Amino acid sequence: MESVHQSMRQQGLVRPAQGRVLGGVCAGLGRRFGIDPWPARLLFILILLLIPGSQILIYPILWIIMPAEPVTATPPVDVWAKTTH
């Protein structure tokens, strides 16, 4: 399964850490193809409506095979150090 995740990462297909609604699949697909998340979600729904029953299979499968975007930790900002007296 790790080779599948690595292949998806190389192609830019990752579920983003921010901006998810459910699992981040549509947001990740939208990012990969250069469209905003909401139009990507609507397009995904329209495509799935053309193939009855596919919603039950395709989204969970993509959720499993698309790796999550690595979360980069940002150091906490010291508010008191930035204030001048």
PDB file of N, CA and C in Angstrom:
ATOM      1  N   MET A   1       0.819  -1.184   0.000  1.00  0.00           N
ATOM      2  CA  MET A   1       0.000   0.000   0.000  1.00  0.00           C
ATOM      3  C   MET A   1       0.870   1.258   0.000  1.00  0.00           C
ATOM      4  N   GLU A   2       2.052   1.159   0.599  1.00  0.00           N
ATOM      5  CA  GLU A   2       2.941   2.324   0.645  1.00  0.00           C
ATOM      6  C   GLU A   2       3.401   2.735  -0.747  1.00  0.00           C
ATOM      7  N   SER A   3       3.581   1.761  -1.644  1.00  0.00           N
ATOM      8  CA  SER A   3       3.986   2.111  -3.005  1.00  0.00           C
ATOM      9  C   SER A   3       2.866   2.855  -3.735  1.00  0.00           C
ATOM     10  N   VAL A   4       1.611   2.506  -3.437  1.00  0.00           N
ATOM     11  CA  VAL A   4       0.478   3.214  -4.026  1.00  0.00           C
ATOM     12  C   VAL A   4       0.448   4.644  -3.507  1.00  0.00           C
ATOM     13  N   HIS A   5       0.640   4.810  -2.196  1.00  0.00           N
ATOM     14  CA  HIS A   5       0.665   6.154  -1.614  1.00  0.00           C
ATOM     15  C   HIS A   5       1.812   6.978  -2.181  1.00  0.00           C
ATOM     16  N   GLN A   6       2.967   6.375  -2.336  1.00  0.00           N
ATOM     17  CA  GLN A   6       4.120   7.092  -2.885  1.00  0.00           C
ATOM     18  C   GLN A   6       3.851   7.522  -4.331  1.00  0.00           C
ATOM     19  N   SER A   7       3.246   6.655  -5.106  1.00  0.00           N
ATOM     20  CA  SER A   7       2.905   6.981  -6.489  1.00  0.00           C
ATOM     21  C   SER A   7       1.911   8.139  -6.544  1.00  0.00           C
ATOM     22  N   MET A   8       0.914   8.116  -5.670  1.00  0.00           N
ATOM     23  CA  MET A   8      -0.076   9.197  -5.629  1.00  0.00           C
ATOM     24  C   MET A   8       0.585  10.515  -5.231  1.00  0.00           C
ATOM     25  N   ARG A   9       1.486  10.463  -4.244  1.00  0.00           N
ATOM     26  CA  ARG A   9       2.201  11.684  -3.823  1.00  0.00           C
ATOM     27  C   ARG A   9       2.997  12.272  -4.983  1.00  0.00           C
ATOM     28  N   GLN A  10       3.665  11.423  -5.741  1.00  0.00           N
ATOM     29  CA  GLN A  10       4.467  11.899  -6.869  1.00  0.00           C
ATOM     30  C   GLN A  10       3.595  12.553  -7.923  1.00  0.00           C
ATOM     31  N   GLN A  11       2.373  12.099  -8.073  1.00  0.00           N
ATOM     32  CA  GLN A  11       1.451  12.670  -9.056  1.00  0.00           C
ATOM     33  C   GLN A  11       0.715  13.886  -8.513  1.00  0.00           C
ATOM     34  N   GLY A  12       0.919  14.212  -7.235  1.00  0.00           N
ATOM     35  CA  GLY A  12       0.262  15.360  -6.635  1.00  0.00           C
ATOM     36  C   GLY A  12      -1.131  15.076  -6.131  1.00  0.00           C
ATOM     37  N   LEU A  13      -1.481  13.814  -6.003  1.00  0.00           N
ATOM     38  CA  LEU A  13      -2.806  13.437  -5.495  1.00  0.00           C
ATOM     39  C   LEU A  13      -2.714  13.129  -4.005  1.00  0.00           C
ATOM     40  N   VAL A  14      -2.928  14.153  -3.191  1.00  0.00           N
ATOM     41  CA  VAL A  14      -2.936  13.987  -1.743  1.00  0.00           C
ATOM     42  C   VAL A  14      -4.164  14.679  -1.177  1.00  0.00           C
ATOM     43  N   ARG A  15      -4.637  14.172  -0.051  1.00  0.00           N
ATOM     44  CA  ARG A  15      -5.750  14.814   0.642  1.00  0.00           C
ATOM     45  C   ARG A  15      -5.172  15.930   1.508  1.00  0.00           C
ATOM     46  N   PRO A  16      -5.560  17.188   1.275  1.00  0.00           N
ATOM     47  CA  PRO A  16      -4.961  18.299   2.005  1.00  0.00           C
ATOM     48  C   PRO A  16      -5.302  18.261   3.493  1.00  0.00           C
ATOM     49  N   ALA A  17      -4.395  18.813   4.284  1.00  0.00           N
ATOM     50  CA  ALA A  17      -4.616  18.870   5.723  1.00  0.00           C
ATOM     51  C   ALA A  17      -5.649  19.929   6.076  1.00  0.00           C
ATOM     52  N   GLN A  18      -5.761  20.966   5.270  1.00  0.00           N
ATOM     53  CA  GLN A  18      -6.699  22.067   5.521  1.00  0.00           C
ATOM     54  C   GLN A  18      -7.742  22.100   4.410  1.00  0.00           C
ATOM     55  N   GLY A  19      -8.956  22.513   4.734  1.00  0.00           N
ATOM     56  CA  GLY A  19      -9.991  22.677   3.723  1.00  0.00           C
ATOM     57  C   GLY A  19     -10.781  21.424   3.406  1.00  0.00           C
ATOM     58  N   ARG A  20     -10.703  20.449   4.262  1.00  0.00           N
ATOM     59  CA  ARG A  20     -11.468  19.214   4.054  1.00  0.00           C
ATOM     60  C   ARG A  20     -12.913  19.425   4.475  1.00  0.00           C
ATOM     61  N   VAL A  21     -13.824  18.744   3.783  1.00  0.00           N
ATOM     62  CA  VAL A  21     -15.214  18.716   4.237  1.00  0.00           C
ATOM     63  C   VAL A  21     -15.496  17.355   4.854  1.00  0.00           C
ATOM     64  N   LEU A  22     -15.152  16.304   4.158  1.00  0.00           N
ATOM     65  CA  LEU A  22     -15.342  14.968   4.711  1.00  0.00           C
ATOM     66  C   LEU A  22     -13.969  14.308   4.861  1.00  0.00           C
ATOM     67  N   GLY A  23     -13.431  13.810   3.789  1.00  0.00           N
ATOM     68  CA  GLY A  23     -12.129  13.153   3.857  1.00  0.00           C
ATOM     69  C   GLY A  23     -11.042  13.893   3.106  1.00  0.00           C
ATOM     70  N   GLY A  24     -11.409  14.914   2.348  1.00  0.00           N
ATOM     71  CA  GLY A  24     -10.426  15.678   1.596  1.00  0.00           C
ATOM     72  C   GLY A  24     -10.181  15.170   0.192  1.00  0.00           C
ATOM     73  N   VAL A  25     -10.953  14.177  -0.239  1.00  0.00           N
ATOM     74  CA  VAL A  25     -10.744  13.593  -1.562  1.00  0.00           C
ATOM     75  C   VAL A  25     -11.012  14.618  -2.663  1.00  0.00           C
ATOM     76  N   CYS A  26     -12.147  15.285  -2.619  1.00  0.00           N
ATOM     77  CA  CYS A  26     -12.489  16.253  -3.671  1.00  0.00           C
ATOM     78  C   CYS A  26     -11.569  17.467  -3.633  1.00  0.00           C
ATOM     79  N   ALA A  27     -11.194  17.906  -2.446  1.00  0.00           N
ATOM     80  CA  ALA A  27     -10.258  19.026  -2.335  1.00  0.00           C
ATOM     81  C   ALA A  27      -8.899  18.646  -2.932  1.00  0.00           C
ATOM     82  N   GLY A  28      -8.471  17.411  -2.697  1.00  0.00           N
ATOM     83  CA  GLY A  28      -7.211  16.933  -3.265  1.00  0.00           C
ATOM     84  C   GLY A  28      -7.267  16.802  -4.776  1.00  0.00           C
ATOM     85  N   LEU A  29      -8.395  16.300  -5.285  1.00  0.00           N
ATOM     86  CA  LEU A  29      -8.561  16.195  -6.740  1.00  0.00           C
ATOM     87  C   LEU A  29      -8.603  17.581  -7.370  1.00  0.00           C
ATOM     88  N   GLY A  30      -9.314  18.500  -6.724  1.00  0.00           N
ATOM     89  CA  GLY A  30      -9.377  19.865  -7.232  1.00  0.00           C
ATOM     90  C   GLY A  30      -8.014  20.524  -7.266  1.00  0.00           C
ATOM     91  N   ARG A  31      -7.241  20.341  -6.194  1.00  0.00           N
ATOM     92  CA  ARG A  31      -5.888  20.920  -6.148  1.00  0.00           C
ATOM     93  C   ARG A  31      -5.015  20.336  -7.252  1.00  0.00           C
ATOM     94  N   ARG A  32      -5.122  19.029  -7.456  1.00  0.00           N
ATOM     95  CA  ARG A  32      -4.304  18.360  -8.481  1.00  0.00           C
ATOM     96  C   ARG A  32      -4.619  18.860  -9.882  1.00  0.00           C
ATOM     97  N   PHE A  33      -5.899  19.123 -10.158  1.00  0.00           N
ATOM     98  CA  PHE A  33      -6.290  19.553 -11.495  1.00  0.00           C
ATOM     99  C   PHE A  33      -6.468  21.061 -11.612  1.00  0.00           C
ATOM    100  N   GLY A  34      -6.100  21.793 -10.572  1.00  0.00           N
ATOM    101  CA  GLY A  34      -6.057  23.248 -10.647  1.00  0.00           C
ATOM    102  C   GLY A  34      -7.402  23.950 -10.564  1.00  0.00           C
ATOM    103  N   ILE A  35      -8.357  23.355  -9.840  1.00  0.00           N
ATOM    104  CA  ILE A  35      -9.637  24.033  -9.651  1.00  0.00           C
ATOM    105  C   ILE A  35      -9.920  24.150  -8.155  1.00  0.00           C
ATOM    106  N   ASP A  36     -10.769  25.104  -7.801  1.00  0.00           N
ATOM    107  CA  ASP A  36     -11.118  25.309  -6.399  1.00  0.00           C
ATOM    108  C   ASP A  36     -11.863  24.096  -5.853  1.00  0.00           C
ATOM    109  N   PRO A  37     -11.844  23.913  -4.533  1.00  0.00           N
ATOM    110  CA  PRO A  37     -12.481  22.732  -3.954  1.00  0.00           C
ATOM    111  C   PRO A  37     -13.979  22.628  -4.198  1.00  0.00           C
ATOM    112  N   TRP A  38     -14.735  23.718  -4.103  1.00  0.00           N
ATOM    113  CA  TRP A  38     -16.190  23.604  -4.259  1.00  0.00           C
ATOM    114  C   TRP A  38     -16.608  23.233  -5.675  1.00  0.00           C
ATOM    115  N   PRO A  39     -16.059  23.849  -6.705  1.00  0.00           N
ATOM    116  CA  PRO A  39     -16.398  23.360  -8.053  1.00  0.00           C
ATOM    117  C   PRO A  39     -15.954  21.907  -8.267  1.00  0.00           C
ATOM    118  N   ALA A  40     -14.845  21.512  -7.653  1.00  0.00           N
ATOM    119  CA  ALA A  40     -14.396  20.116  -7.769  1.00  0.00           C
ATOM    120  C   ALA A  40     -15.395  19.182  -7.110  1.00  0.00           C
ATOM    121  N   ARG A  41     -15.936  19.583  -5.960  1.00  0.00           N
ATOM    122  CA  ARG A  41     -16.928  18.762  -5.282  1.00  0.00           C
ATOM    123  C   ARG A  41     -18.198  18.625  -6.126  1.00  0.00           C
ATOM    124  N   LEU A  42     -18.653  19.737  -6.672  1.00  0.00           N
ATOM    125  CA  LEU A  42     -19.853  19.697  -7.505  1.00  0.00           C
ATOM    126  C   LEU A  42     -19.649  18.832  -8.746  1.00  0.00           C
ATOM    127  N   LEU A  43     -18.502  18.975  -9.381  1.00  0.00           N
ATOM    128  CA  LEU A  43     -18.191  18.172 -10.561  1.00  0.00           C
ATOM    129  C   LEU A  43     -18.120  16.690 -10.199  1.00  0.00           C
ATOM    130  N   PHE A  44     -17.514  16.379  -9.073  1.00  0.00           N
ATOM    131  CA  PHE A  44     -17.413  14.997  -8.603  1.00  0.00           C
ATOM    132  C   PHE A  44     -18.807  14.412  -8.397  1.00  0.00           C
ATOM    133  N   ILE A  45     -19.695  15.185  -7.772  1.00  0.00           N
ATOM    134  CA  ILE A  45     -21.064  14.717  -7.535  1.00  0.00           C
ATOM    135  C   ILE A  45     -21.804  14.511  -8.853  1.00  0.00           C
ATOM    136  N   LEU A  46     -21.648  15.446  -9.773  1.00  0.00           N
ATOM    137  CA  LEU A  46     -22.321  15.304 -11.072  1.00  0.00           C
ATOM    138  C   LEU A  46     -21.843  14.072 -11.827  1.00  0.00           C
ATOM    139  N   ILE A  47     -20.555  13.835 -11.801  1.00  0.00           N
ATOM    140  CA  ILE A  47     -20.009  12.660 -12.481  1.00  0.00           C
ATOM    141  C   ILE A  47     -20.523  11.378 -11.827  1.00  0.00           C
ATOM    142  N   LEU A  48     -20.564  11.366 -10.502  1.00  0.00           N
ATOM    143  CA  LEU A  48     -21.034  10.165  -9.811  1.00  0.00           C
ATOM    144  C   LEU A  48     -22.524   9.927 -10.015  1.00  0.00           C
ATOM    145  N   LEU A  49     -23.288  10.986 -10.261  1.00  0.00           N
ATOM    146  CA  LEU A  49     -24.717  10.803 -10.522  1.00  0.00           C
ATOM    147  C   LEU A  49     -24.970  10.145 -11.873  1.00  0.00           C
ATOM    148  N   LEU A  50     -24.009  10.283 -12.784  1.00  0.00           N
ATOM    149  CA  LEU A  50     -24.153   9.645 -14.085  1.00  0.00           C
ATOM    150  C   LEU A  50     -23.995   8.127 -14.007  1.00  0.00           C
ATOM    151  N   ILE A  51     -23.271   7.676 -12.998  1.00  0.00           N
ATOM    152  CA  ILE A  51     -23.035   6.240 -12.824  1.00  0.00           C
ATOM    153  C   ILE A  51     -23.691   5.822 -11.509  1.00  0.00           C
ATOM    154  N   PRO A  52     -24.943   5.361 -11.525  1.00  0.00           N
ATOM    155  CA  PRO A  52     -25.662   5.031 -10.286  1.00  0.00           C
ATOM    156  C   PRO A  52     -24.920   4.000  -9.434  1.00  0.00           C
ATOM    157  N   GLY A  53     -24.889   4.260  -8.138  1.00  0.00           N
ATOM    158  CA  GLY A  53     -24.249   3.343  -7.207  1.00  0.00           C
ATOM    159  C   GLY A  53     -22.769   3.551  -7.032  1.00  0.00           C
ATOM    160  N   SER A  54     -22.149   4.330  -7.891  1.00  0.00           N
ATOM    161  CA  SER A  54     -20.704   4.500  -7.816  1.00  0.00           C
ATOM    162  C   SER A  54     -20.272   5.326  -6.613  1.00  0.00           C
ATOM    163  N   GLN A  55     -21.174   6.148  -6.077  1.00  0.00           N
ATOM    164  CA  GLN A  55     -20.836   6.976  -4.926  1.00  0.00           C
ATOM    165  C   GLN A  55     -20.405   6.122  -3.740  1.00  0.00           C
ATOM    166  N   ILE A  56     -21.031   4.984  -3.614  1.00  0.00           N
ATOM    167  CA  ILE A  56     -20.749   4.102  -2.485  1.00  0.00           C
ATOM    168  C   ILE A  56     -19.360   3.481  -2.603  1.00  0.00           C
ATOM    169  N   LEU A  57     -18.869   3.317  -3.814  1.00  0.00           N
ATOM    170  CA  LEU A  57     -17.580   2.662  -4.025  1.00  0.00           C
ATOM    171  C   LEU A  57     -16.419   3.635  -4.251  1.00  0.00           C
ATOM    172  N   ILE A  58     -16.609   4.598  -5.116  1.00  0.00           N
ATOM    173  CA  ILE A  58     -15.482   5.424  -5.566  1.00  0.00           C
ATOM    174  C   ILE A  58     -14.914   6.307  -4.468  1.00  0.00           C
ATOM    175  N   TYR A  59     -15.759   7.053  -3.748  1.00  0.00           N
ATOM    176  CA  TYR A  59     -15.246   7.965  -2.730  1.00  0.00           C
ATOM    177  C   TYR A  59     -14.476   7.230  -1.628  1.00  0.00           C
ATOM    178  N   PRO A  60     -15.016   6.155  -1.035  1.00  0.00           N
ATOM    179  CA  PRO A  60     -14.238   5.440  -0.006  1.00  0.00           C
ATOM    180  C   PRO A  60     -12.938   4.843  -0.539  1.00  0.00           C
ATOM    181  N   ILE A  61     -12.955   4.362  -1.772  1.00  0.00           N
ATOM    182  CA  ILE A  61     -11.724   3.806  -2.346  1.00  0.00           C
ATOM    183  C   ILE A  61     -10.680   4.904  -2.502  1.00  0.00           C
ATOM    184  N   LEU A  62     -11.097   6.056  -3.027  1.00  0.00           N
ATOM    185  CA  LEU A  62     -10.157   7.168  -3.154  1.00  0.00           C
ATOM    186  C   LEU A  62      -9.668   7.646  -1.791  1.00  0.00           C
ATOM    187  N   TRP A  63     -10.546   7.634  -0.802  1.00  0.00           N
ATOM    188  CA  TRP A  63     -10.180   8.051   0.545  1.00  0.00           C
ATOM    189  C   TRP A  63      -9.074   7.148   1.090  1.00  0.00           C
ATOM    190  N   ILE A  64      -9.146   5.862   0.774  1.00  0.00           N
ATOM    191  CA  ILE A  64      -8.156   4.905   1.260  1.00  0.00           C
ATOM    192  C   ILE A  64      -6.842   5.022   0.490  1.00  0.00           C
ATOM    193  N   ILE A  65      -6.912   5.149  -0.839  1.00  0.00           N
ATOM    194  CA  ILE A  65      -5.664   5.104  -1.606  1.00  0.00           C
ATOM    195  C   ILE A  65      -4.972   6.462  -1.725  1.00  0.00           C
ATOM    196  N   MET A  66      -5.700   7.576  -1.504  1.00  0.00           N
ATOM    197  CA  MET A  66      -5.044   8.889  -1.554  1.00  0.00           C
ATOM    198  C   MET A  66      -4.414   9.174  -0.199  1.00  0.00           C
ATOM    199  N   PRO A  67      -3.104   9.399  -0.164  1.00  0.00           N
ATOM    200  CA  PRO A  67      -2.462   9.661   1.127  1.00  0.00           C
ATOM    201  C   PRO A  67      -2.804  11.057   1.639  1.00  0.00           C
ATOM    202  N   ALA A  68      -2.754  11.213   2.939  1.00  0.00           N
ATOM    203  CA  ALA A  68      -2.969  12.523   3.544  1.00  0.00           C
ATOM    204  C   ALA A  68      -1.715  13.370   3.347  1.00  0.00           C
ATOM    205  N   GLU A  69      -1.932  14.656   3.189  1.00  0.00           N
ATOM    206  CA  GLU A  69      -0.822  15.585   3.050  1.00  0.00           C
ATOM    207  C   GLU A  69      -0.046  15.624   4.362  1.00  0.00           C
ATOM    208  N   PRO A  70       1.278  15.608   4.298  1.00  0.00           N
ATOM    209  CA  PRO A  70       2.043  15.671   5.544  1.00  0.00           C
ATOM    210  C   PRO A  70       1.788  17.001   6.244  1.00  0.00           C
ATOM    211  N   VAL A  71       1.580  16.935   7.541  1.00  0.00           N
ATOM    212  CA  VAL A  71       1.336  18.134   8.330  1.00  0.00           C
ATOM    213  C   VAL A  71       2.676  18.675   8.793  1.00  0.00           C
ATOM    214  N   THR A  72       2.933  19.929   8.449  1.00  0.00           N
ATOM    215  CA  THR A  72       4.168  20.570   8.895  1.00  0.00           C
ATOM    216  C   THR A  72       3.864  21.380  10.131  1.00  0.00           C
ATOM    217  N   ALA A  73       4.620  21.130  11.159  1.00  0.00           N
ATOM    218  CA  ALA A  73       4.406  21.840  12.416  1.00  0.00           C
ATOM    219  C   ALA A  73       5.043  23.215  12.330  1.00  0.00           C
ATOM    220  N   THR A  74       4.294  24.216  12.699  1.00  0.00           N
ATOM    221  CA  THR A  74       4.834  25.574  12.745  1.00  0.00           C
ATOM    222  C   THR A  74       5.078  25.934  14.200  1.00  0.00           C
ATOM    223  N   PRO A  75       6.195  26.568  14.471  1.00  0.00           N
ATOM    224  CA  PRO A  75       6.485  26.914  15.861  1.00  0.00           C
ATOM    225  C   PRO A  75       5.477  27.944  16.366  1.00  0.00           C
ATOM    226  N   PRO A  76       5.102  27.867  17.633  1.00  0.00           N
ATOM    227  CA  PRO A  76       4.145  28.834  18.166  1.00  0.00           C
ATOM    228  C   PRO A  76       4.735  30.237  18.161  1.00  0.00           C
ATOM    229  N   VAL A  77       3.892  31.199  17.913  1.00  0.00           N
ATOM    230  CA  VAL A  77       4.320  32.590  17.860  1.00  0.00           C
ATOM    231  C   VAL A  77       4.248  33.162  19.265  1.00  0.00           C
ATOM    232  N   ASP A  78       5.340  33.758  19.706  1.00  0.00           N
ATOM    233  CA  ASP A  78       5.388  34.382  21.016  1.00  0.00           C
ATOM    234  C   ASP A  78       4.891  35.819  20.888  1.00  0.00           C
ATOM    235  N   VAL A  79       3.655  36.047  21.297  1.00  0.00           N
ATOM    236  CA  VAL A  79       3.034  37.357  21.146  1.00  0.00           C
ATOM    237  C   VAL A  79       3.735  38.396  21.996  1.00  0.00           C
ATOM    238  N   TRP A  80       4.141  38.002  23.172  1.00  0.00           N
ATOM    239  CA  TRP A  80       4.770  38.963  24.079  1.00  0.00           C
ATOM    240  C   TRP A  80       6.132  39.405  23.596  1.00  0.00           C
ATOM    241  N   ALA A  81       6.838  38.587  22.882  1.00  0.00           N
ATOM    242  CA  ALA A  81       8.167  38.968  22.370  1.00  0.00           C
ATOM    243  C   ALA A  81       8.056  40.006  21.272  1.00  0.00           C
ATOM    244  N   LYS A  82       6.921  40.073  20.581  1.00  0.00           N
ATOM    245  CA  LYS A  82       6.770  41.001  19.466  1.00  0.00           C
ATOM    246  C   LYS A  82       6.285  42.385  19.893  1.00  0.00           C
ATOM    247  N   THR A  83       5.782  42.496  21.105  1.00  0.00           N
ATOM    248  CA  THR A  83       5.298  43.810  21.546  1.00  0.00           C
ATOM    249  C   THR A  83       6.466  44.663  22.031  1.00  0.00           C
ATOM    250  N   THR A  84       6.374  45.924  21.740  1.00  0.00           N
ATOM    251  CA  THR A  84       7.420  46.848  22.189  1.00  0.00           C
ATOM    252  C   THR A  84       6.868  47.730  23.294  1.00  0.00           C
ATOM    253  N   HIS A  85       7.700  48.047  24.222  1.00  0.00           N
ATOM    254  CA  HIS A  85       7.260  48.880  25.343  1.00  0.00           C
ATOM    255  C   HIS A  85       7.871  50.241  25.265  1.00  0.00           C
TER     256      HIS A  85
END
